[in-house]
Amino acid sequence: MSKHSWKIGVGLASMLLGMLLVFQFRTETNIKTYLPQFTTASELGIKWNRLQTDLNKKEEELKQLRQQLQEYNRDEELKSLRMAAGVTPLRGPGVEITLTDVQRPLKSYEDPNLFIVHYDQLELLVNELWAAGAEAIAVNGVRLVAQTGFSCAGTTILVGTRKLAPPYIIRAIGDAATLKAALTIPGGFIDSQIRPFELGIKIEIKDSLYLPPYKGSSVFNYAEVVPEETEETTVADGVEEAETEDAVEDWEGTGEGEVL
């Protein structure tokens, strides 16, 4: 028995060594299978730096989102939306504009229709004020909102659903100096729409103006709220875009002094 005991020990040791080698081989194979392959330590370092940079960006975004969440004020946002929709009364500095028909007696040969305020002139005036940064506008106490339109109604002007007669008093809240400058600029609204027809206009800067809320209908029968999406390009838009590109190419291809 003693003569063969060393052989048994060697056999067991060899078997154990073989099992360890097989286990090591499988472990290395699994690591190579599931981990990215890097041939050099520098590649591993580059990959680590990229992952660290991405992680830092995500942490910064998360920090900003948490900051926005902490600063979010639902009541303040609701207040801003109500102001933008025109459903709440407002007070602030701005300009008060009085627009009237011609004040002098007309001569027999003059057409009275040329010397009264028309709806398109009033609409142009309002557009100039919006473009100059007006935050809210009312005409004869009618608060203007996104659905407000201007049209002619005989000798009066229809603003939304209200018939208005002169004098037209337009109140606009905003930077008063900028609003006034937008109307009085040379070649602007007054030069093109007021002076040629001898209409009356008075612009007053006010420290405090009151604008009533919008009192019309806010019912939407056809439009509905949906998630934001990319606007689809219609066939007509595509044709128009192609025609525009062709026009640009033709213009670029035209030599100096040539007329299309």
Foldseek 3Di string as FASTA:
>chain_A
DVVCVVVVVVVVVVVVVVVVVVVVVVVVVVCPVPDDDDPDVVVVVVVVVVVVVVVVVVVVVVVVVVVCVVVDDPVVVVVVVCLQQQAAKDKFWAKKKWWFFADDDDDPPDDSVLGGDAQVLVVQLVVLQVVLPFSWKDKPQATDHPPWDWDDDDQFIQTRNDTDHPRIIMTTHDDHVSSVCSQPPVVHSCVVPPVVNVIDMDMDTDGMDIHHGHDDDDDDDPDDDDDDDDDDDDPVNVVVVVVVVVVVVVVVPDDPPDDD
